[in-house]
C-alpha atoms as a PDB file:
ATOM      1  CA  MET A   1     -22.294 -43.276  -0.172  1.00  0.00           C
ATOM      2  CA  ARG A   2     -18.941 -44.408  -1.532  1.00  0.00           C
ATOM      3  CA  LEU A   3     -15.837 -42.949   0.088  1.00  0.00           C
ATOM      4  CA  SER A   4     -14.648 -41.709  -3.312  1.00  0.00           C
ATOM      5  CA  ALA A   5     -17.869 -39.708  -3.638  1.00  0.00           C
ATOM      6  CA  LYS A   6     -17.377 -38.220  -0.184  1.00  0.00           C
ATOM      7  CA  LEU A   7     -13.825 -37.245  -0.986  1.00  0.00           C
ATOM      8  CA  SER A   8     -14.972 -35.682  -4.254  1.00  0.00           C
ATOM      9  CA  ILE A   9     -17.452 -33.537  -2.358  1.00  0.00           C
ATOM     10  CA  VAL A  10     -14.780 -32.508   0.157  1.00  0.00           C
ATOM     11  CA  MET A  11     -12.362 -31.543  -2.617  1.00  0.00           C
ATOM     12  CA  PHE A  12     -15.078 -29.608  -4.431  1.00  0.00           C
ATOM     13  CA  LEU A  13     -15.962 -27.642  -1.310  1.00  0.00           C
ATOM     14  CA  GLY A  14     -12.299 -27.063  -0.545  1.00  0.00           C
ATOM     15  CA  ALA A  15     -11.617 -25.694  -4.019  1.00  0.00           C
ATOM     16  CA  GLY A  16     -14.605 -23.381  -3.725  1.00  0.00           C
ATOM     17  CA  ILE A  17     -13.428 -22.068  -0.351  1.00  0.00           C
ATOM     18  CA  LEU A  18      -9.904 -21.490  -1.681  1.00  0.00           C
ATOM     19  CA  ALA A  19     -11.215 -19.585  -4.692  1.00  0.00           C
ATOM     20  CA  PHE A  20     -13.399 -17.478  -2.410  1.00  0.00           C
ATOM     21  CA  SER A  21     -10.425 -16.731  -0.176  1.00  0.00           C
ATOM     22  CA  VAL A  22      -8.325 -15.495  -3.097  1.00  0.00           C
ATOM     23  CA  ARG A  23     -11.101 -13.202  -4.298  1.00  0.00           C
ATOM     24  CA  GLY A  24     -11.660 -11.945  -0.750  1.00  0.00           C
ATOM     25  CA  ALA A  25      -7.970 -11.213  -0.217  1.00  0.00           C
ATOM     26  CA  ALA A  26      -7.744  -9.280  -3.488  1.00  0.00           C
ATOM     27  CA  ALA A  27     -10.870  -7.264  -2.636  1.00  0.00           C
ATOM     28  CA  ASP A  28      -9.163  -5.975   0.521  1.00  0.00           C
ATOM     29  CA  GLN A  29      -6.726  -3.826  -1.486  1.00  0.00           C
ATOM     30  CA  LEU A  30      -8.276  -0.390  -1.006  1.00  0.00           C
ATOM     31  CA  GLY A  31      -6.572   2.971  -0.802  1.00  0.00           C
ATOM     32  CA  PHE A  32      -6.844   6.737  -0.714  1.00  0.00           C
ATOM     33  CA  ALA A  33      -5.193   8.919  -3.343  1.00  0.00           C
ATOM     34  CA  VAL A  34      -4.934  12.607  -4.277  1.00  0.00           C
ATOM     35  CA  ASP A  35      -4.576  14.162  -7.717  1.00  0.00           C
ATOM     36  CA  ASN A  36      -3.595  17.541  -9.139  1.00  0.00           C
ATOM     37  CA  THR A  37      -7.170  18.863  -8.970  1.00  0.00           C
ATOM     38  CA  GLU A  38      -6.879  18.826  -5.155  1.00  0.00           C
ATOM     39  CA  THR A  39      -9.381  15.967  -4.912  1.00  0.00           C
ATOM     40  CA  LEU A  40      -9.276  13.025  -2.512  1.00  0.00           C
ATOM     41  CA  PHE A  41     -10.353   9.680  -3.963  1.00  0.00           C
ATOM     42  CA  SER A  42     -10.971   6.207  -2.647  1.00  0.00           C
ATOM     43  CA  VAL A  43      -9.279   3.702  -4.944  1.00  0.00           C
ATOM     44  CA  ASP A  44     -10.010   0.012  -5.420  1.00  0.00           C
ATOM     45  CA  LEU A  45      -6.625  -1.267  -6.531  1.00  0.00           C
ATOM     46  CA  THR A  46      -8.062  -4.651  -7.462  1.00  0.00           C
ATOM     47  CA  THR A  47     -10.245  -3.159 -10.211  1.00  0.00           C
ATOM     48  CA  ALA A  48      -8.370   0.136 -10.846  1.00  0.00           C
ATOM     49  CA  THR A  49     -11.513   2.072  -9.889  1.00  0.00           C
ATOM     50  CA  ALA A  50     -11.334   5.553  -8.337  1.00  0.00           C
ATOM     51  CA  THR A  51     -14.266   7.245  -6.590  1.00  0.00           C
ATOM     52  CA  PRO A  52     -14.108  10.978  -5.697  1.00  0.00           C
ATOM     53  CA  ILE A  53     -14.604  11.753  -2.003  1.00  0.00           C
ATOM     54  CA  GLY A  54     -14.217  15.521  -1.985  1.00  0.00           C
ATOM     55  CA  PHE A  55     -12.130  18.636  -2.493  1.00  0.00           C
ATOM     56  CA  THR A  56      -9.118  18.951  -0.163  1.00  0.00           C
ATOM     57  CA  GLY A  57      -8.558  22.641  -0.828  1.00  0.00           C
ATOM     58  CA  GLN A  58      -4.797  22.048  -0.816  1.00  0.00           C
ATOM     59  CA  PHE A  59      -2.256  20.850  -3.378  1.00  0.00           C
ATOM     60  CA  LEU A  60      -1.219  17.763  -1.444  1.00  0.00           C
ATOM     61  CA  GLN A  61       1.787  15.791  -2.672  1.00  0.00           C
ATOM     62  CA  GLY A  62       2.142  13.391   0.243  1.00  0.00           C
ATOM     63  CA  LEU A  63      -0.586  11.221   1.780  1.00  0.00           C
ATOM     64  CA  ALA A  64      -0.465   8.699   4.636  1.00  0.00           C
ATOM     65  CA  VAL A  65      -2.987   6.900   6.848  1.00  0.00           C
ATOM     66  CA  SER A  66      -2.108   6.034  10.440  1.00  0.00           C
ATOM     67  CA  PRO A  67      -2.644   2.622  12.092  1.00  0.00           C
ATOM     68  CA  GLN A  68      -5.541   4.277  13.943  1.00  0.00           C
ATOM     69  CA  GLY A  69      -7.151   5.329  10.655  1.00  0.00           C
ATOM     70  CA  SER A  70      -6.350   9.049  10.621  1.00  0.00           C
ATOM     71  CA  LEU A  71      -5.392  10.516   7.251  1.00  0.00           C
ATOM     72  CA  PHE A  72      -2.638  13.110   6.845  1.00  0.00           C
ATOM     73  CA  GLY A  73      -1.240  15.053   3.891  1.00  0.00           C
ATOM     74  CA  THR A  74       1.699  17.312   3.093  1.00  0.00           C
ATOM     75  CA  ASP A  75       2.020  20.020   0.446  1.00  0.00           C
ATOM     76  CA  PHE A  76       4.825  21.499  -1.662  1.00  0.00           C
ATOM     77  CA  LEU A  77       5.602  24.026   1.104  1.00  0.00           C
ATOM     78  CA  GLY A  78       6.096  21.368   3.782  1.00  0.00           C
ATOM     79  CA  ASN A  79       2.819  22.050   5.577  1.00  0.00           C
ATOM     80  CA  LEU A  80       1.080  19.195   7.373  1.00  0.00           C
ATOM     81  CA  TYR A  81      -2.696  18.700   7.233  1.00  0.00           C
ATOM     82  CA  SER A  82      -5.228  16.303   8.649  1.00  0.00           C
ATOM     83  CA  VAL A  83      -7.566  15.100   5.899  1.00  0.00           C
ATOM     84  CA  SER A  84     -11.181  14.007   6.315  1.00  0.00           C
ATOM     85  CA  LYS A  85     -11.809  10.563   4.815  1.00  0.00           C
ATOM     86  CA  THR A  86     -15.477  11.486   4.562  1.00  0.00           C
ATOM     87  CA  THR A  87     -15.378  14.921   2.892  1.00  0.00           C
ATOM     88  CA  GLY A  88     -11.776  15.265   1.729  1.00  0.00           C
ATOM     89  CA  ALA A  89     -11.362  18.596   3.542  1.00  0.00           C
ATOM     90  CA  ALA A  90      -7.790  19.334   4.669  1.00  0.00           C
ATOM     91  CA  THR A  91      -7.215  21.062   8.019  1.00  0.00           C
ATOM     92  CA  PHE A  92      -3.908  22.858   8.618  1.00  0.00           C
ATOM     93  CA  ILE A  93      -1.799  21.492  11.494  1.00  0.00           C
ATOM     94  CA  GLY A  94       1.482  23.340  11.033  1.00  0.00           C
ATOM     95  CA  SER A  95       4.667  23.725   9.025  1.00  0.00           C
ATOM     96  CA  THR A  96       7.353  21.042   9.165  1.00  0.00           C
ATOM     97  CA  GLY A  97       9.977  23.473   7.890  1.00  0.00           C
ATOM     98  CA  LEU A  98      11.166  20.810   5.445  1.00  0.00           C
ATOM     99  CA  GLY A  99       9.884  22.325   2.210  1.00  0.00           C
ATOM    100  CA  ASP A 100       8.285  20.073  -0.393  1.00  0.00           C
ATOM    101  CA  ILE A 101       7.382  16.642   1.056  1.00  0.00           C
ATOM    102  CA  GLU A 102       6.335  14.105  -1.577  1.00  0.00           C
ATOM    103  CA  GLY A 103       7.279  10.904   0.250  1.00  0.00           C
ATOM    104  CA  LEU A 104       5.026  10.293   3.267  1.00  0.00           C
ATOM    105  CA  THR A 105       4.187   7.120   5.206  1.00  0.00           C
ATOM    106  CA  PHE A 106       3.775   5.726   8.699  1.00  0.00           C
ATOM    107  CA  ARG A 107       6.550   3.761  10.384  1.00  0.00           C
ATOM    108  CA  GLY A 108       4.469   2.078  13.035  1.00  0.00           C
ATOM    109  CA  THR A 109       2.733   4.972  14.789  1.00  0.00           C
ATOM    110  CA  THR A 110       5.316   7.520  13.631  1.00  0.00           C
ATOM    111  CA  LEU A 111       4.689   9.628  10.540  1.00  0.00           C
ATOM    112  CA  ILE A 112       7.812   9.964   8.394  1.00  0.00           C
ATOM    113  CA  GLY A 113       8.430  12.160   5.355  1.00  0.00           C
ATOM    114  CA  THR A 114      11.214  12.851   2.882  1.00  0.00           C
ATOM    115  CA  ASP A 115      12.237  16.322   1.782  1.00  0.00           C
ATOM    116  CA  PHE A 116      12.514  17.048  -1.949  1.00  0.00           C
ATOM    117  CA  SER A 117      16.241  17.602  -2.548  1.00  0.00           C
ATOM    118  CA  ASN A 118      15.872  19.225  -5.965  1.00  0.00           C
ATOM    119  CA  LEU A 119      19.335  20.802  -5.816  1.00  0.00           C
ATOM    120  CA  GLY A 120      21.076  17.433  -5.869  1.00  0.00           C
ATOM    121  CA  GLY A 121      21.930  17.292  -2.171  1.00  0.00           C
ATOM    122  CA  LEU A 122      21.143  14.586   0.343  1.00  0.00           C
ATOM    123  CA  THR A 123      17.559  13.497   0.945  1.00  0.00           C
ATOM    124  CA  THR A 124      16.543  13.419   4.608  1.00  0.00           C
ATOM    125  CA  ALA A 125      13.857  11.213   6.117  1.00  0.00           C
ATOM    126  CA  SER A 126      12.298  12.849   9.173  1.00  0.00           C
ATOM    127  CA  ALA A 127       9.807  11.903  11.871  1.00  0.00           C
ATOM    128  CA  ILE A 128       6.868  14.328  11.867  1.00  0.00           C
ATOM    129  CA  ASN A 129       4.750  15.054  14.930  1.00  0.00           C
ATOM    130  CA  THR A 130       1.114  14.742  13.829  1.00  0.00           C
ATOM    131  CA  THR A 131      -0.046  17.224  16.494  1.00  0.00           C
ATOM    132  CA  THR A 132       2.486  20.045  16.036  1.00  0.00           C
ATOM    133  CA  ALA A 133       4.102  19.206  12.633  1.00  0.00           C
ATOM    134  CA  ALA A 134       7.533  19.432  14.270  1.00  0.00           C
ATOM    135  CA  ALA A 135      10.104  17.421  12.295  1.00  0.00           C
ATOM    136  CA  THR A 136      13.024  15.402  13.679  1.00  0.00           C
ATOM    137  CA  PRO A 137      15.666  14.040  11.252  1.00  0.00           C
ATOM    138  CA  ILE A 138      16.044  10.247  11.147  1.00  0.00           C
ATOM    139  CA  ILE A 139      18.654   9.660   8.420  1.00  0.00           C
ATOM    140  CA  SER A 140      19.998  11.226   5.234  1.00  0.00           C
ATOM    141  CA  PHE A 141      20.819   9.336   2.064  1.00  0.00           C
ATOM    142  CA  SER A 142      22.314  10.110  -1.321  1.00  0.00           C
ATOM    143  CA  GLN A 143      19.443   9.280  -3.687  1.00  0.00           C
ATOM    144  CA  GLY A 144      16.926  11.947  -4.660  1.00  0.00           C
ATOM    145  CA  PRO A 145      14.845  13.858  -5.321  1.00  0.00           C
ATOM    146  CA  VAL A 146      12.239  11.480  -3.867  1.00  0.00           C
ATOM    147  CA  ARG A 147       8.772  11.615  -5.459  1.00  0.00           C
ATOM    148  CA  ALA A 148       7.104   8.797  -3.483  1.00  0.00           C
ATOM    149  CA  MET A 149       7.873   6.508  -0.572  1.00  0.00           C
ATOM    150  CA  ALA A 150       6.563   3.151   0.694  1.00  0.00           C
ATOM    151  CA  LEU A 151       7.465   1.347   3.910  1.00  0.00           C
ATOM    152  CA  VAL A 152       8.960  -2.129   3.376  1.00  0.00           C
ATOM    153  CA  ASN A 153       9.516  -2.813   7.084  1.00  0.00           C
ATOM    154  CA  THR A 154      10.408  -0.855  10.220  1.00  0.00           C
ATOM    155  CA  ASN A 155      13.945  -0.158   9.029  1.00  0.00           C
ATOM    156  CA  THR A 156      13.516  -0.056   5.251  1.00  0.00           C
ATOM    157  CA  ILE A 157      11.739   2.133   2.712  1.00  0.00           C
ATOM    158  CA  ASP A 158      11.358   1.981  -1.058  1.00  0.00           C
ATOM    159  CA  VAL A 159      11.415   5.339  -2.842  1.00  0.00           C
ATOM    160  CA  ALA A 160      10.732   6.569  -6.355  1.00  0.00           C
ATOM    161  CA  SER A 161      13.800   8.686  -7.054  1.00  0.00           C
ATOM    162  CA  ASP A 162      15.163  10.827  -9.860  1.00  0.00           C
ATOM    163  CA  SER A 163      18.608   9.277  -9.363  1.00  0.00           C
ATOM    164  CA  PRO A 164      20.712   7.483 -10.390  1.00  0.00           C
ATOM    165  CA  VAL A 165      18.319   7.689 -13.366  1.00  0.00           C
ATOM    166  CA  SER A 166      14.804   9.049 -13.694  1.00  0.00           C
ATOM    167  CA  GLN A 167      12.146   6.872 -12.011  1.00  0.00           C
ATOM    168  CA  SER A 168      14.598   4.689 -10.115  1.00  0.00           C
ATOM    169  CA  LEU A 169      13.150   2.358  -7.492  1.00  0.00           C
ATOM    170  CA  VAL A 170      15.583   2.580  -4.590  1.00  0.00           C
ATOM    171  CA  GLU A 171      15.622   0.681  -1.294  1.00  0.00           C
ATOM    172  CA  VAL A 172      16.911   2.694   1.684  1.00  0.00           C
ATOM    173  CA  ASN A 173      18.019   1.480   5.110  1.00  0.00           C
ATOM    174  CA  LEU A 174      16.683   3.936   7.720  1.00  0.00           C
ATOM    175  CA  LEU A 175      19.342   2.909  10.245  1.00  0.00           C
ATOM    176  CA  THR A 176      22.426   3.393   8.089  1.00  0.00           C
ATOM    177  CA  GLY A 177      21.319   5.446   5.080  1.00  0.00           C
ATOM    178  CA  THR A 178      22.731   2.859   2.685  1.00  0.00           C
ATOM    179  CA  ASN A 179      20.666   2.438  -0.445  1.00  0.00           C
ATOM    180  CA  THR A 180      20.311  -0.038  -3.280  1.00  0.00           C
ATOM    181  CA  THR A 181      18.925   0.675  -6.733  1.00  0.00           C
ATOM    182  CA  LEU A 182      16.422  -2.088  -7.508  1.00  0.00           C
ATOM    183  CA  GLY A 183      15.470  -1.048 -11.038  1.00  0.00           C
ATOM    184  CA  GLN A 184      13.463   1.494 -12.993  1.00  0.00           C
ATOM    185  CA  LEU A 185       9.756   2.189 -12.572  1.00  0.00           C
ATOM    186  CA  PRO A 186       7.470   2.385 -15.627  1.00  0.00           C
ATOM    187  CA  SER A 187       7.186   5.898 -17.063  1.00  0.00           C
ATOM    188  CA  MET A 188       6.009   7.667 -20.189  1.00  0.00           C
ATOM    189  CA  GLY A 189       8.325  10.510 -21.118  1.00  0.00           C
ATOM    190  CA  ALA A 190       8.308  13.234 -18.478  1.00  0.00           C
ATOM    191  CA  ALA A 191       5.300  11.704 -16.669  1.00  0.00           C
ATOM    192  CA  LEU A 192       6.758  10.354 -13.438  1.00  0.00           C
ATOM    193  CA  ILE A 193       5.206   8.050 -10.854  1.00  0.00           C
ATOM    194  CA  ALA A 194       4.597   9.930  -7.607  1.00  0.00           C
ATOM    195  CA  ALA A 195       2.077   7.575  -5.972  1.00  0.00           C
ATOM    196  CA  LEU A 196       3.462   4.390  -4.429  1.00  0.00           C
ATOM    197  CA  ASN A 197       2.438   2.073  -1.589  1.00  0.00           C
ATOM    198  CA  PHE A 198       2.371  -1.545  -0.433  1.00  0.00           C
ATOM    199  CA  GLY A 199      -0.880  -3.441  -0.006  1.00  0.00           C
ATOM    200  CA  THR A 200      -1.577  -5.973   2.727  1.00  0.00           C
ATOM    201  CA  ASP A 201      -0.975  -8.621   0.052  1.00  0.00           C
ATOM    202  CA  GLY A 202       2.686  -7.563  -0.053  1.00  0.00           C
ATOM    203  CA  VAL A 203       2.339  -6.087  -3.544  1.00  0.00           C
ATOM    204  CA  LEU A 204       3.809  -2.660  -4.303  1.00  0.00           C
ATOM    205  CA  TYR A 205       1.175  -0.596  -6.144  1.00  0.00           C
ATOM    206  CA  ALA A 206       1.804   2.543  -8.197  1.00  0.00           C
ATOM    207  CA  LEU A 207      -0.318   5.191  -9.934  1.00  0.00           C
ATOM    208  CA  ASP A 208       1.041   7.426 -12.708  1.00  0.00           C
ATOM    209  CA  PRO A 209       0.031  10.880 -14.031  1.00  0.00           C
ATOM    210  CA  PHE A 210      -2.181   9.324 -16.741  1.00  0.00           C
ATOM    211  CA  GLY A 211      -4.368   7.333 -14.341  1.00  0.00           C
ATOM    212  CA  ASN A 212      -2.564   4.060 -15.006  1.00  0.00           C
ATOM    213  CA  GLU A 213      -2.220   1.581 -12.157  1.00  0.00           C
ATOM    214  CA  PHE A 214       0.675  -0.873 -11.907  1.00  0.00           C
ATOM    215  CA  MET A 215       1.796  -3.690  -9.672  1.00  0.00           C
ATOM    216  CA  ILE A 216       5.530  -3.197  -9.240  1.00  0.00           C
ATOM    217  CA  ALA A 217       7.951  -6.122  -9.397  1.00  0.00           C
ATOM    218  CA  SER A 218      11.064  -6.319  -7.223  1.00  0.00           C
ATOM    219  CA  ASN A 219      13.145  -4.965 -10.129  1.00  0.00           C
ATOM    220  CA  GLY A 220      10.863  -1.944 -10.640  1.00  0.00           C
ATOM    221  CA  ALA A 221       9.062  -3.316 -13.691  1.00  0.00           C
ATOM    222  CA  GLY A 222       5.359  -2.473 -13.863  1.00  0.00           C
ATOM    223  CA  ILE A 223       2.527  -4.939 -14.474  1.00  0.00           C
ATOM    224  CA  PRO A 224      -0.500  -2.954 -15.748  1.00  0.00           C
ATOM    225  CA  VAL A 225      -3.723  -3.372 -13.761  1.00  0.00           C
ATOM    226  CA  GLY A 226      -5.930  -0.808 -15.510  1.00  0.00           C
ATOM    227  CA  ASN A 227      -6.731   2.894 -15.738  1.00  0.00           C
ATOM    228  CA  THR A 228      -8.588   4.727 -12.980  1.00  0.00           C
ATOM    229  CA  GLY A 229      -9.898   7.493 -15.257  1.00  0.00           C
ATOM    230  CA  GLY A 230      -6.949   9.576 -16.410  1.00  0.00           C
ATOM    231  CA  GLN A 231      -6.190  11.344 -13.120  1.00  0.00           C
ATOM    232  CA  TYR A 232      -2.812  12.979 -12.549  1.00  0.00           C
ATOM    233  CA  TRP A 233      -1.990  11.107  -9.344  1.00  0.00           C
ATOM    234  CA  LEU A 234       0.239  12.722  -6.716  1.00  0.00           C
ATOM    235  CA  ASP A 235       0.226  10.133  -3.915  1.00  0.00           C
ATOM    236  CA  LEU A 236      -1.378   6.925  -2.667  1.00  0.00           C
ATOM    237  CA  THR A 237      -1.880   5.410   0.759  1.00  0.00           C
ATOM    238  CA  MET A 238      -3.429   2.081   1.626  1.00  0.00           C
ATOM    239  CA  ALA A 239      -6.676   2.033   3.570  1.00  0.00           C
ATOM    240  CA  SER A 240      -6.494  -1.761   3.892  1.00  0.00           C
ATOM    241  CA  THR A 241      -3.623  -1.485   6.396  1.00  0.00           C
ATOM    242  CA  VAL A 242      -6.163   0.109   8.729  1.00  0.00           C
ATOM    243  CA  LEU A 243      -9.296  -1.836   7.809  1.00  0.00           C
ATOM    244  CA  ASP A 244      -7.622  -5.248   7.998  1.00  0.00           C
ATOM    245  CA  PRO A 245      -4.252  -4.929   9.766  1.00  0.00           C
ATOM    246  CA  PRO A 246      -2.001  -7.896   8.937  1.00  0.00           C
ATOM    247  CA  GLY A 247      -1.231 -10.113  11.905  1.00  0.00           C
ATOM    248  CA  ASP A 248      -3.865  -8.470  14.134  1.00  0.00           C
ATOM    249  CA  PRO A 249      -4.390 -11.036  16.945  1.00  0.00           C
ATOM    250  CA  ASN A 250      -7.798  -9.570  17.788  1.00  0.00           C
ATOM    251  CA  GLY A 251      -9.031  -9.197  14.236  1.00  0.00           C
ATOM    252  CA  VAL A 252     -11.035 -11.429  11.953  1.00  0.00           C
ATOM    253  CA  PRO A 253      -8.830 -14.110  10.342  1.00  0.00           C
ATOM    254  CA  GLU A 254      -7.692 -13.180   6.847  1.00  0.00           C
ATOM    255  CA  PRO A 255      -9.500 -15.008   4.017  1.00  0.00           C
ATOM    256  CA  ASN A 256      -6.588 -17.326   3.270  1.00  0.00           C
ATOM    257  CA  SER A 257      -6.309 -18.279   6.950  1.00  0.00           C
ATOM    258  CA  MET A 258     -10.024 -19.033   7.102  1.00  0.00           C
ATOM    259  CA  ALA A 259      -9.723 -21.150   3.963  1.00  0.00           C
ATOM    260  CA  LEU A 260      -6.939 -23.243   5.476  1.00  0.00           C
ATOM    261  CA  LEU A 261      -8.937 -23.773   8.676  1.00  0.00           C
ATOM    262  CA  LEU A 262     -12.060 -24.827   6.776  1.00  0.00           C
ATOM    263  CA  MET A 263     -10.149 -27.132   4.440  1.00  0.00           C
ATOM    264  CA  ALA A 264      -8.453 -28.750   7.436  1.00  0.00           C
ATOM    265  CA  ALA A 265     -11.859 -29.298   9.037  1.00  0.00           C
ATOM    266  CA  LEU A 266     -13.222 -30.849   5.858  1.00  0.00           C
ATOM    267  CA  GLY A 267     -10.175 -33.077   5.601  1.00  0.00           C
ATOM    268  CA  LEU A 268     -10.711 -34.270   9.165  1.00  0.00           C
ATOM    269  CA  ILE A 269     -14.353 -35.054   8.365  1.00  0.00           C
ATOM    270  CA  SER A 270     -13.310 -37.122   5.346  1.00  0.00           C
ATOM    271  CA  VAL A 271     -10.732 -39.060   7.401  1.00  0.00           C
ATOM    272  CA  ARG A 272     -13.286 -39.840  10.106  1.00  0.00           C
ATOM    273  CA  ALA A 273     -15.751 -41.014   7.447  1.00  0.00           C
ATOM    274  CA  TRP A 274     -13.064 -43.302   6.016  1.00  0.00           C
ATOM    275  CA  GLN A 275     -12.266 -44.682   9.483  1.00  0.00           C
ATOM    276  CA  ARG A 276     -15.937 -45.400  10.166  1.00  0.00           C
ATOM    277  CA  SER A 277     -16.111 -47.373   6.944  1.00  0.00           C
ATOM    278  CA  GLY A 278     -13.387 -49.627   8.337  1.00  0.00           C
ATOM    279  CA  GLY A 279     -10.851 -48.315   5.887  1.00  0.00           C
ATOM    280  CA  SER A 280     -12.687 -49.927   3.040  1.00  0.00           C
ATOM    281  CA  PRO A 281     -13.735 -48.174  -0.174  1.00  0.00           C
ATOM    282  CA  GLN A 282     -17.409 -48.438   0.867  1.00  0.00           C
ATOM    283  CA  GLY A 283     -19.052 -45.603   2.820  1.00  0.00           C
END
């Protein structure tokens, strides 16, 4: 077989593996979300498809999944619940004493939430004990009220805020409280985005009160993905951060990593075949 033919086969296989890896990575973007009918859904953010899991029995406005896979929710009174990922049922843990909590996420193994400062005061991010619901203030910042929150890194959060203008995307430093307005999230009139979270692909995803899903750019602009079915979404958390934790040394390599390994192996095979041919064009 000619070397050129061998190389063509290698390139063909490599392209197929790369395409498979991209599809596999996109398929990992799964989440849980709650709407105003007190229903928990699983959401495929790749296809904008929502599947009902069950009735929570509570009007949850915050939702977060821990690194261990446990799901928690908060309501407009500041109560903390554990939520079954199988049935959707919410079990009362306790009161945080913070009032309405609409921004909820995990910072490592620590659950953090933001109070809803609807009187124009400071917004406070607090650590919440998942066993007792006791809240400990972390930092206060000037932007609010906060309707959704997503963790950028250990020391930074992005929030959907009503200030400085409605549906502002604001980045907040959890060490200093300094904040930067990045832009304005997509909105339709009074319908405000209250469901926001990062995927393992590094994309910020958002769901609005009409069932629309967006990928959010760094300036807040929304790229439409599709419509999940017209739900009035209240919050979103990513299941993929639990199912396929990024950088897990004991986990299965991510699709893109596997693709690179396989393509490298195929490249080595092609080089060895070329060497055996004496470096000539004949195989």
